[in-house]
PDB file of N, CA and C in Angstrom:
ATOM      1  N   MET A   1      -0.390 -12.671   9.790  1.00  0.00           N
ATOM      2  CA  MET A   1       0.080 -12.026   9.937  1.00  0.00           C
ATOM      3  C   MET A   1       0.617 -11.150   9.408  1.00  0.00           C
ATOM      4  N   SER A   2       1.784  -9.963   9.414  1.00  0.00           N
ATOM      5  CA  SER A   2       1.621  -9.144   8.091  1.00  0.00           C
ATOM      6  C   SER A   2       3.226  -9.272   7.970  1.00  0.00           C
ATOM      7  N   LEU A   3       3.929  -9.111   7.028  1.00  0.00           N
ATOM      8  CA  LEU A   3       5.248  -8.963   7.163  1.00  0.00           C
ATOM      9  C   LEU A   3       5.528  -7.748   7.180  1.00  0.00           C
ATOM     10  N   THR A   4       6.393  -6.980   8.148  1.00  0.00           N
ATOM     11  CA  THR A   4       6.650  -5.854   8.886  1.00  0.00           C
ATOM     12  C   THR A   4       8.177  -5.033   7.798  1.00  0.00           C
ATOM     13  N   LYS A   5       8.539  -4.300   7.994  1.00  0.00           N
ATOM     14  CA  LYS A   5       9.704  -3.213   7.035  1.00  0.00           C
ATOM     15  C   LYS A   5      10.677  -3.920   7.090  1.00  0.00           C
ATOM     16  N   ARG A   6      11.025  -4.968   8.891  1.00  0.00           N
ATOM     17  CA  ARG A   6      11.880  -5.402   9.502  1.00  0.00           C
ATOM     18  C   ARG A   6      11.720  -6.506   9.240  1.00  0.00           C
ATOM     19  N   ASP A   7      10.670  -7.792   8.748  1.00  0.00           N
ATOM     20  CA  ASP A   7      11.225  -8.732   8.288  1.00  0.00           C
ATOM     21  C   ASP A   7      11.321  -8.776   6.758  1.00  0.00           C
ATOM     22  N   LEU A   8      11.115  -8.120   6.291  1.00  0.00           N
ATOM     23  CA  LEU A   8      11.764  -7.660   4.747  1.00  0.00           C
ATOM     24  C   LEU A   8      13.332  -7.598   4.334  1.00  0.00           C
ATOM     25  N   VAL A   9      13.493  -6.684   5.789  1.00  0.00           N
ATOM     26  CA  VAL A   9      14.639  -6.453   5.358  1.00  0.00           C
ATOM     27  C   VAL A   9      15.672  -7.265   5.916  1.00  0.00           C
ATOM     28  N   VAL A  10      15.015  -8.460   7.047  1.00  0.00           N
ATOM     29  CA  VAL A  10      15.802  -9.039   7.296  1.00  0.00           C
ATOM     30  C   VAL A  10      16.056 -10.421   6.454  1.00  0.00           C
ATOM     31  N   ARG A  11      14.869 -10.742   5.547  1.00  0.00           N
ATOM     32  CA  ARG A  11      15.063 -11.373   4.402  1.00  0.00           C
ATOM     33  C   ARG A  11      15.498 -11.466   3.628  1.00  0.00           C
ATOM     34  N   VAL A  12      15.771 -10.155   3.127  1.00  0.00           N
ATOM     35  CA  VAL A  12      16.602  -9.577   2.028  1.00  0.00           C
ATOM     36  C   VAL A  12      18.267  -9.940   2.095  1.00  0.00           C
ATOM     37  N   ALA A  13      18.491  -9.456   3.611  1.00  0.00           N
ATOM     38  CA  ALA A  13      19.509  -9.729   4.475  1.00  0.00           C
ATOM     39  C   ALA A  13      20.506 -10.807   3.696  1.00  0.00           C
ATOM     40  N   ARG A  14      19.279 -11.566   4.219  1.00  0.00           N
ATOM     41  CA  ARG A  14      19.420 -13.322   4.563  1.00  0.00           C
ATOM     42  C   ARG A  14      19.821 -13.930   2.796  1.00  0.00           C
ATOM     43  N   GLN A  15      19.023 -13.447   2.170  1.00  0.00           N
ATOM     44  CA  GLN A  15      19.147 -14.242   0.803  1.00  0.00           C
ATOM     45  C   GLN A  15      20.537 -13.586  -0.176  1.00  0.00           C
ATOM     46  N   THR A  16      20.517 -12.112   0.097  1.00  0.00           N
ATOM     47  CA  THR A  16      21.444 -11.256  -0.291  1.00  0.00           C
ATOM     48  C   THR A  16      22.901 -11.340   0.170  1.00  0.00           C
ATOM     49  N   ASN A  17      23.120 -11.741   1.301  1.00  0.00           N
ATOM     50  CA  ASN A  17      24.919 -11.778   2.302  1.00  0.00           C
ATOM     51  C   ASN A  17      24.604 -10.280   2.256  1.00  0.00           C
ATOM     52  N   LEU A  18      23.857  -9.206   2.412  1.00  0.00           N
ATOM     53  CA  LEU A  18      24.209  -7.773   2.375  1.00  0.00           C
ATOM     54  C   LEU A  18      23.936  -7.856   4.160  1.00  0.00           C
ATOM     55  N   LYS A  19      24.604  -6.917   4.176  1.00  0.00           N
ATOM     56  CA  LYS A  19      24.135  -5.944   6.157  1.00  0.00           C
ATOM     57  C   LYS A  19      22.882  -5.676   6.014  1.00  0.00           C
ATOM     58  N   GLN A  20      22.260  -6.082   6.904  1.00  0.00           N
ATOM     59  CA  GLN A  20      21.002  -6.069   7.275  1.00  0.00           C
ATOM     60  C   GLN A  20      20.767  -4.012   7.289  1.00  0.00           C
ATOM     61  N   SER A  21      21.805  -3.370   7.879  1.00  0.00           N
ATOM     62  CA  SER A  21      21.739  -1.837   8.075  1.00  0.00           C
ATOM     63  C   SER A  21      21.993  -1.458   6.494  1.00  0.00           C
ATOM     64  N   GLU A  22      22.474  -2.074   5.198  1.00  0.00           N
ATOM     65  CA  GLU A  22      22.922  -1.399   3.922  1.00  0.00           C
ATOM     66  C   GLU A  22      20.640  -1.637   3.645  1.00  0.00           C
ATOM     67  N   VAL A  23      20.343  -3.148   4.077  1.00  0.00           N
ATOM     68  CA  VAL A  23      19.490  -3.419   3.098  1.00  0.00           C
ATOM     69  C   VAL A  23      18.374  -2.608   3.423  1.00  0.00           C
ATOM     70  N   MET A  24      18.175  -2.008   5.375  1.00  0.00           N
ATOM     71  CA  MET A  24      17.535  -0.609   5.658  1.00  0.00           C
ATOM     72  C   MET A  24      17.157   0.053   4.464  1.00  0.00           C
ATOM     73  N   ASP A  25      18.248   0.818   4.631  1.00  0.00           N
ATOM     74  CA  ASP A  25      18.851   2.364   4.214  1.00  0.00           C
ATOM     75  C   ASP A  25      18.050   2.359   2.794  1.00  0.00           C
ATOM     76  N   VAL A  26      18.199   1.068   1.932  1.00  0.00           N
ATOM     77  CA  VAL A  26      17.852   1.332   0.247  1.00  0.00           C
ATOM     78  C   VAL A  26      16.121   0.960   0.366  1.00  0.00           C
ATOM     79  N   VAL A  27      15.818   0.134   1.645  1.00  0.00           N
ATOM     80  CA  VAL A  27      14.262   0.029   1.695  1.00  0.00           C
ATOM     81  C   VAL A  27      13.649   1.072   1.958  1.00  0.00           C
ATOM     82  N   GLN A  28      14.546   1.484   3.019  1.00  0.00           N
ATOM     83  CA  GLN A  28      13.934   2.795   3.705  1.00  0.00           C
ATOM     84  C   GLN A  28      13.787   4.027   2.082  1.00  0.00           C
ATOM     85  N   LEU A  29      15.213   4.400   1.565  1.00  0.00           N
ATOM     86  CA  LEU A  29      14.833   5.143   0.354  1.00  0.00           C
ATOM     87  C   LEU A  29      13.619   4.810  -0.601  1.00  0.00           C
ATOM     88  N   THR A  30      13.533   3.774  -0.964  1.00  0.00           N
ATOM     89  CA  THR A  30      12.804   2.881  -2.030  1.00  0.00           C
ATOM     90  C   THR A  30      10.998   3.102  -1.262  1.00  0.00           C
ATOM     91  N   LEU A  31      11.072   3.108  -0.287  1.00  0.00           N
ATOM     92  CA  LEU A  31       9.496   3.721   0.497  1.00  0.00           C
ATOM     93  C   LEU A  31       9.686   5.643   0.486  1.00  0.00           C
ATOM     94  N   ASP A  32      10.844   6.134   0.817  1.00  0.00           N
ATOM     95  CA  ASP A  32      10.666   7.230   0.889  1.00  0.00           C
ATOM     96  C   ASP A  32      10.322   8.184  -0.591  1.00  0.00           C
ATOM     97  N   THR A  33      11.238   7.456  -1.628  1.00  0.00           N
ATOM     98  CA  THR A  33      10.515   8.017  -3.419  1.00  0.00           C
ATOM     99  C   THR A  33       9.352   8.102  -4.012  1.00  0.00           C
ATOM    100  N   ILE A  34       9.064   6.617  -3.125  1.00  0.00           N
ATOM    101  CA  ILE A  34       7.711   5.921  -3.415  1.00  0.00           C
ATOM    102  C   ILE A  34       6.468   6.822  -3.110  1.00  0.00           C
ATOM    103  N   THR A  35       6.810   7.193  -1.765  1.00  0.00           N
ATOM    104  CA  THR A  35       6.115   8.450  -0.648  1.00  0.00           C
ATOM    105  C   THR A  35       5.893   9.823  -1.565  1.00  0.00           C
ATOM    106  N   GLU A  36       7.033  10.699  -2.020  1.00  0.00           N
ATOM    107  CA  GLU A  36       7.390  11.280  -2.111  1.00  0.00           C
ATOM    108  C   GLU A  36       6.584  11.422  -4.048  1.00  0.00           C
ATOM    109  N   GLU A  37       6.668  10.598  -4.522  1.00  0.00           N
ATOM    110  CA  GLU A  37       6.056  10.980  -5.989  1.00  0.00           C
ATOM    111  C   GLU A  37       4.716  10.928  -6.218  1.00  0.00           C
ATOM    112  N   LEU A  38       3.787   9.526  -4.870  1.00  0.00           N
ATOM    113  CA  LEU A  38       2.682  10.080  -4.223  1.00  0.00           C
ATOM    114  C   LEU A  38       2.154  10.887  -4.130  1.00  0.00           C
ATOM    115  N   ALA A  39       3.122  11.398  -3.067  1.00  0.00           N
ATOM    116  CA  ALA A  39       2.734  12.713  -2.539  1.00  0.00           C
ATOM    117  C   ALA A  39       2.769  14.648  -3.419  1.00  0.00           C
ATOM    118  N   ALA A  40       3.528  14.151  -4.788  1.00  0.00           N
ATOM    119  CA  ALA A  40       3.466  14.710  -5.689  1.00  0.00           C
ATOM    120  C   ALA A  40       2.097  14.839  -6.625  1.00  0.00           C
ATOM    121  N   GLY A  41       1.918  13.349  -6.287  1.00  0.00           N
ATOM    122  CA  GLY A  41       0.252  13.439  -7.350  1.00  0.00           C
ATOM    123  C   GLY A  41       0.658  12.518  -8.812  1.00  0.00           C
ATOM    124  N   ARG A  42       2.363  12.036  -8.665  1.00  0.00           N
ATOM    125  CA  ARG A  42       2.268  11.056  -9.255  1.00  0.00           C
ATOM    126  C   ARG A  42       2.262   9.370  -9.329  1.00  0.00           C
ATOM    127  N   SER A  43       1.960   8.510 -10.632  1.00  0.00           N
ATOM    128  CA  SER A  43       1.749   7.211 -10.004  1.00  0.00           C
ATOM    129  C   SER A  43       3.352   6.581  -9.614  1.00  0.00           C
ATOM    130  N   VAL A  44       3.709   5.019  -9.226  1.00  0.00           N
ATOM    131  CA  VAL A  44       4.393   4.282  -9.281  1.00  0.00           C
ATOM    132  C   VAL A  44       4.006   3.055  -9.926  1.00  0.00           C
ATOM    133  N   GLU A  45       5.044   2.604 -10.674  1.00  0.00           N
ATOM    134  CA  GLU A  45       4.521   1.503 -11.246  1.00  0.00           C
ATOM    135  C   GLU A  45       5.380   0.426 -11.531  1.00  0.00           C
ATOM    136  N   PHE A  46       5.558  -0.513 -10.699  1.00  0.00           N
ATOM    137  CA  PHE A  46       6.102  -1.484 -10.679  1.00  0.00           C
ATOM    138  C   PHE A  46       6.171  -2.709 -11.832  1.00  0.00           C
ATOM    139  N   ARG A  47       6.331  -2.602 -12.566  1.00  0.00           N
ATOM    140  CA  ARG A  47       5.815  -3.924 -13.536  1.00  0.00           C
ATOM    141  C   ARG A  47       6.222  -5.326 -12.880  1.00  0.00           C
ATOM    142  N   ASN A  48       4.912  -5.860 -13.405  1.00  0.00           N
ATOM    143  CA  ASN A  48       4.788  -7.358 -13.044  1.00  0.00           C
ATOM    144  C   ASN A  48       4.530  -7.360 -11.021  1.00  0.00           C
ATOM    145  N   PHE A  49       4.485  -6.411 -10.911  1.00  0.00           N
ATOM    146  CA  PHE A  49       3.577  -6.146  -9.284  1.00  0.00           C
ATOM    147  C   PHE A  49       2.657  -5.126  -9.451  1.00  0.00           C
ATOM    148  N   GLY A  50       3.044  -3.971  -9.452  1.00  0.00           N
ATOM    149  CA  GLY A  50       1.513  -3.336  -9.544  1.00  0.00           C
ATOM    150  C   GLY A  50       1.821  -1.703  -9.659  1.00  0.00           C
ATOM    151  N   VAL A  51       0.778  -1.132  -9.430  1.00  0.00           N
ATOM    152  CA  VAL A  51       0.823   0.342  -9.452  1.00  0.00           C
ATOM    153  C   VAL A  51       0.018   1.245  -8.538  1.00  0.00           C
ATOM    154  N   PHE A  52       0.771   1.922  -7.854  1.00  0.00           N
ATOM    155  CA  PHE A  52      -0.036   2.724  -7.023  1.00  0.00           C
ATOM    156  C   PHE A  52      -0.190   4.512  -7.804  1.00  0.00           C
ATOM    157  N   GLU A  53      -1.151   4.695  -7.425  1.00  0.00           N
ATOM    158  CA  GLU A  53      -2.270   5.311  -7.890  1.00  0.00           C
ATOM    159  C   GLU A  53      -2.439   6.494  -7.264  1.00  0.00           C
ATOM    160  N   VAL A  54      -2.504   7.890  -7.246  1.00  0.00           N
ATOM    161  CA  VAL A  54      -3.235   8.887  -6.752  1.00  0.00           C
ATOM    162  C   VAL A  54      -4.747   9.744  -7.389  1.00  0.00           C
ATOM    163  N   MET A  55      -5.777   8.963  -6.409  1.00  0.00           N
ATOM    164  CA  MET A  55      -7.340   9.570  -6.864  1.00  0.00           C
ATOM    165  C   MET A  55      -7.770  10.345  -6.276  1.00  0.00           C
ATOM    166  N   ARG A  56      -8.721  10.706  -6.973  1.00  0.00           N
ATOM    167  CA  ARG A  56      -9.607  12.005  -5.899  1.00  0.00           C
ATOM    168  C   ARG A  56     -11.337  10.913  -5.542  1.00  0.00           C
ATOM    169  N   ARG A  57     -11.277  11.292  -4.234  1.00  0.00           N
ATOM    170  CA  ARG A  57     -12.189  10.520  -3.855  1.00  0.00           C
ATOM    171  C   ARG A  57     -13.467  12.024  -3.815  1.00  0.00           C
ATOM    172  N   LYS A  58     -14.108  11.581  -4.499  1.00  0.00           N
ATOM    173  CA  LYS A  58     -15.828  12.557  -4.564  1.00  0.00           C
ATOM    174  C   LYS A  58     -16.319  12.664  -3.104  1.00  0.00           C
ATOM    175  N   GLU A  59     -16.770  14.386  -3.047  1.00  0.00           N
ATOM    176  CA  GLU A  59     -17.403  14.757  -1.654  1.00  0.00           C
ATOM    177  C   GLU A  59     -18.653  13.615  -1.976  1.00  0.00           C
ATOM    178  N   ARG A  60     -18.909  13.456  -0.029  1.00  0.00           N
ATOM    179  CA  ARG A  60     -19.932  12.791   0.172  1.00  0.00           C
ATOM    180  C   ARG A  60     -19.977  13.034   1.264  1.00  0.00           C
ATOM    181  N   ILE A  61     -21.797  12.260   1.267  1.00  0.00           N
ATOM    182  CA  ILE A  61     -22.346  12.550   2.712  1.00  0.00           C
ATOM    183  C   ILE A  61     -22.377  10.973   3.459  1.00  0.00           C
ATOM    184  N   GLY A  62     -21.705  10.867   4.694  1.00  0.00           N
ATOM    185  CA  GLY A  62     -21.856  10.098   5.569  1.00  0.00           C
ATOM    186  C   GLY A  62     -22.346   9.688   6.396  1.00  0.00           C
ATOM    187  N   ARG A  63     -22.549   9.605   7.341  1.00  0.00           N
ATOM    188  CA  ARG A  63     -23.277   9.256   8.836  1.00  0.00           C
ATOM    189  C   ARG A  63     -22.120   8.965  10.294  1.00  0.00           C
ATOM    190  N   ASN A  64     -22.643   9.714  11.280  1.00  0.00           N
ATOM    191  CA  ASN A  64     -21.831   9.663  12.823  1.00  0.00           C
ATOM    192  C   ASN A  64     -21.712   8.235  13.152  1.00  0.00           C
ATOM    193  N   PRO A  65     -21.163   7.807  13.748  1.00  0.00           N
ATOM    194  CA  PRO A  65     -21.322   6.440  14.663  1.00  0.00           C
ATOM    195  C   PRO A  65     -22.157   6.483  15.662  1.00  0.00           C
ATOM    196  N   ASN A  66     -21.569   7.449  16.227  1.00  0.00           N
ATOM    197  CA  ASN A  66     -22.008   7.672  17.304  1.00  0.00           C
ATOM    198  C   ASN A  66     -23.557   8.757  17.352  1.00  0.00           C
ATOM    199  N   GLU A  67     -23.865   9.094  16.040  1.00  0.00           N
ATOM    200  CA  GLU A  67     -24.955   9.765  16.378  1.00  0.00           C
ATOM    201  C   GLU A  67     -26.016   9.351  14.714  1.00  0.00           C
ATOM    202  N   PRO A  68     -26.315   8.027  13.927  1.00  0.00           N
ATOM    203  CA  PRO A  68     -26.616   7.711  12.771  1.00  0.00           C
ATOM    204  C   PRO A  68     -27.530   8.258  12.387  1.00  0.00           C
ATOM    205  N   ALA A  69     -28.223   8.772  12.842  1.00  0.00           N
ATOM    206  CA  ALA A  69     -29.266   9.785  12.146  1.00  0.00           C
ATOM    207  C   ALA A  69     -28.676  10.576  11.767  1.00  0.00           C
ATOM    208  N   THR A  70     -27.100  11.809  11.937  1.00  0.00           N
ATOM    209  CA  THR A  70     -26.624  13.023  12.113  1.00  0.00           C
ATOM    210  C   THR A  70     -25.916  12.406  10.762  1.00  0.00           C
ATOM    211  N   GLU A  71     -26.620  13.028   9.409  1.00  0.00           N
ATOM    212  CA  GLU A  71     -25.183  12.972   8.377  1.00  0.00           C
ATOM    213  C   GLU A  71     -24.296  14.004   8.998  1.00  0.00           C
ATOM    214  N   VAL A  72     -22.906  13.517   8.345  1.00  0.00           N
ATOM    215  CA  VAL A  72     -21.957  14.262   7.707  1.00  0.00           C
ATOM    216  C   VAL A  72     -21.570  15.104   6.366  1.00  0.00           C
ATOM    217  N   LYS A  73     -20.997  15.793   6.141  1.00  0.00           N
ATOM    218  CA  LYS A  73     -20.739  16.115   4.668  1.00  0.00           C
ATOM    219  C   LYS A  73     -18.902  15.609   4.889  1.00  0.00           C
ATOM    220  N   ILE A  74     -18.195  14.255   4.227  1.00  0.00           N
ATOM    221  CA  ILE A  74     -17.092  14.630   3.758  1.00  0.00           C
ATOM    222  C   ILE A  74     -16.634  14.794   2.553  1.00  0.00           C
ATOM    223  N   PRO A  75     -15.657  15.791   2.542  1.00  0.00           N
ATOM    224  CA  PRO A  75     -15.213  16.648   1.992  1.00  0.00           C
ATOM    225  C   PRO A  75     -14.700  15.690   0.825  1.00  0.00           C
ATOM    226  N   GLU A  76     -13.966  16.235  -0.512  1.00  0.00           N
ATOM    227  CA  GLU A  76     -13.078  15.838  -1.416  1.00  0.00           C
ATOM    228  C   GLU A  76     -11.544  15.338  -1.243  1.00  0.00           C
ATOM    229  N   ARG A  77     -10.729  14.516  -1.506  1.00  0.00           N
ATOM    230  CA  ARG A  77      -9.872  14.381  -0.997  1.00  0.00           C
ATOM    231  C   ARG A  77      -8.873  13.419  -1.819  1.00  0.00           C
ATOM    232  N   ALA A  78      -7.849  13.788  -1.956  1.00  0.00           N
ATOM    233  CA  ALA A  78      -6.924  12.732  -2.520  1.00  0.00           C
ATOM    234  C   ALA A  78      -6.641  11.536  -1.566  1.00  0.00           C
ATOM    235  N   VAL A  79      -6.700  10.073  -2.648  1.00  0.00           N
ATOM    236  CA  VAL A  79      -6.208   8.993  -2.002  1.00  0.00           C
ATOM    237  C   VAL A  79      -5.710   7.997  -2.911  1.00  0.00           C
ATOM    238  N   VAL A  80      -5.262   7.111  -2.639  1.00  0.00           N
ATOM    239  CA  VAL A  80      -3.735   6.506  -2.749  1.00  0.00           C
ATOM    240  C   VAL A  80      -4.411   4.994  -2.676  1.00  0.00           C
ATOM    241  N   LYS A  81      -4.809   4.315  -4.658  1.00  0.00           N
ATOM    242  CA  LYS A  81      -4.980   3.269  -4.478  1.00  0.00           C
ATOM    243  C   LYS A  81      -3.636   1.791  -5.170  1.00  0.00           C
ATOM    244  N   PHE A  82      -3.946   1.239  -4.783  1.00  0.00           N
ATOM    245  CA  PHE A  82      -3.334   0.434  -5.103  1.00  0.00           C
ATOM    246  C   PHE A  82      -3.371  -0.923  -6.006  1.00  0.00           C
ATOM    247  N   LYS A  83      -3.362  -1.208  -7.542  1.00  0.00           N
ATOM    248  CA  LYS A  83      -3.813  -1.874  -8.275  1.00  0.00           C
ATOM    249  C   LYS A  83      -3.092  -3.030  -8.644  1.00  0.00           C
ATOM    250  N   PRO A  84      -3.071  -4.093  -8.437  1.00  0.00           N
ATOM    251  CA  PRO A  84      -1.829  -5.492  -8.353  1.00  0.00           C
ATOM    252  C   PRO A  84      -1.718  -5.668  -9.944  1.00  0.00           C
ATOM    253  N   GLY A  85      -0.843  -6.241  -9.994  1.00  0.00           N
ATOM    254  CA  GLY A  85      -0.370  -7.061 -11.494  1.00  0.00           C
ATOM    255  C   GLY A  85      -0.974  -7.968 -11.848  1.00  0.00           C
ATOM    256  N   LYS A  86      -0.436  -8.870 -12.972  1.00  0.00           N
ATOM    257  CA  LYS A  86      -1.120  -9.766 -13.410  1.00  0.00           C
ATOM    258  C   LYS A  86      -0.499 -10.833 -12.707  1.00  0.00           C
ATOM    259  N   GLU A  87       0.437 -11.328 -12.105  1.00  0.00           N
ATOM    260  CA  GLU A  87       0.997 -12.434 -11.528  1.00  0.00           C
ATOM    261  C   GLU A  87       0.260 -12.050 -10.332  1.00  0.00           C
ATOM    262  N   MET A  88       0.296 -11.501  -9.284  1.00  0.00           N
ATOM    263  CA  MET A  88       0.072 -11.071  -8.092  1.00  0.00           C
ATOM    264  C   MET A  88      -1.172 -11.016  -7.741  1.00  0.00           C
ATOM    265  N   ARG A  89      -2.255 -10.748  -9.280  1.00  0.00           N
ATOM    266  CA  ARG A  89      -3.764 -10.993  -8.806  1.00  0.00           C
ATOM    267  C   ARG A  89      -4.022 -12.287  -8.999  1.00  0.00           C
ATOM    268  N   LYS A  90      -3.375 -13.026  -9.536  1.00  0.00           N
ATOM    269  CA  LYS A  90      -3.219 -14.726  -9.858  1.00  0.00           C
ATOM    270  C   LYS A  90      -3.142 -15.852  -9.076  1.00  0.00           C
ATOM    271  N   LEU A  91      -2.009 -14.929  -8.280  1.00  0.00           N
ATOM    272  CA  LEU A  91      -1.921 -15.403  -6.879  1.00  0.00           C
ATOM    273  C   LEU A  91      -2.868 -15.473  -5.885  1.00  0.00           C
ATOM    274  N   VAL A  92      -3.016 -14.319  -5.524  1.00  0.00           N
ATOM    275  CA  VAL A  92      -3.869 -14.135  -4.152  1.00  0.00           C
ATOM    276  C   VAL A  92      -5.673 -14.896  -5.565  1.00  0.00           C
ATOM    277  N   LEU A  93      -5.586 -14.482  -5.992  1.00  0.00           N
ATOM    278  CA  LEU A  93      -7.003 -15.451  -6.508  1.00  0.00           C
ATOM    279  C   LEU A  93      -7.007 -16.785  -5.908  1.00  0.00           C
ATOM    280  N   LYS A  94      -5.695 -17.491  -5.524  1.00  0.00           N
ATOM    281  CA  LYS A  94      -5.860 -19.163  -5.684  1.00  0.00           C
ATOM    282  C   LYS A  94      -6.074 -18.766  -3.889  1.00  0.00           C
ATOM    283  N   LEU A  95      -5.931 -18.544  -2.882  1.00  0.00           N
ATOM    284  CA  LEU A  95      -6.552 -18.117  -1.403  1.00  0.00           C
ATOM    285  C   LEU A  95      -7.689 -18.671  -1.860  1.00  0.00           C
ATOM    286  N   ASP A  96      -7.640 -19.437  -0.733  1.00  0.00           N
ATOM    287  CA  ASP A  96      -9.270 -19.679  -0.067  1.00  0.00           C
ATOM    288  C   ASP A  96      -9.369 -19.067   0.699  1.00  0.00           C
ATOM    289  N   PRO A  97     -10.288 -18.712   0.518  1.00  0.00           N
ATOM    290  CA  PRO A  97     -10.836 -16.638   1.814  1.00  0.00           C
ATOM    291  C   PRO A  97     -11.133 -17.185   2.832  1.00  0.00           C
ATOM    292  N   GLN A  98     -11.388 -19.096   3.337  1.00  0.00           N
ATOM    293  CA  GLN A  98     -11.843 -19.537   4.479  1.00  0.00           C
ATOM    294  C   GLN A  98     -10.363 -19.496   5.071  1.00  0.00           C
ATOM    295  N   ASP A  99      -9.368 -18.970   4.468  1.00  0.00           N
ATOM    296  CA  ASP A  99      -8.235 -19.220   5.445  1.00  0.00           C
ATOM    297  C   ASP A  99      -7.663 -18.019   6.056  1.00  0.00           C
ATOM    298  N   LEU A 100      -8.284 -17.045   5.093  1.00  0.00           N
ATOM    299  CA  LEU A 100      -7.804 -15.655   5.586  1.00  0.00           C
ATOM    300  C   LEU A 100      -8.606 -15.085   6.849  1.00  0.00           C
ATOM    301  N   PRO A 101      -8.133 -14.304   7.850  1.00  0.00           N
ATOM    302  CA  PRO A 101      -8.428 -13.860   8.962  1.00  0.00           C
ATOM    303  C   PRO A 101      -9.947 -13.077   9.192  1.00  0.00           C
TER     304      PRO A 101
END
């Protein structure tokens, strides 16, 4: 199950006694700012959480799944990568892979 933006807003509003509409505004502004920075090619770092970075994915040859014999040139492009912080990495490593979907 995924945590949605709405779930996050409800949880933060409950824990802070702020109105959900106020929390939604802050969450949306935060996400918009992160998106703007990444779209400008800049990384976004949250200490003890992780780093979002724009990386270059090199041009490569792929295959058409409907026609596996056909090679398709996939052009170079920009992609977003997330590198988790140490604490998050430690917590995720404790998960039992058998419990994951």
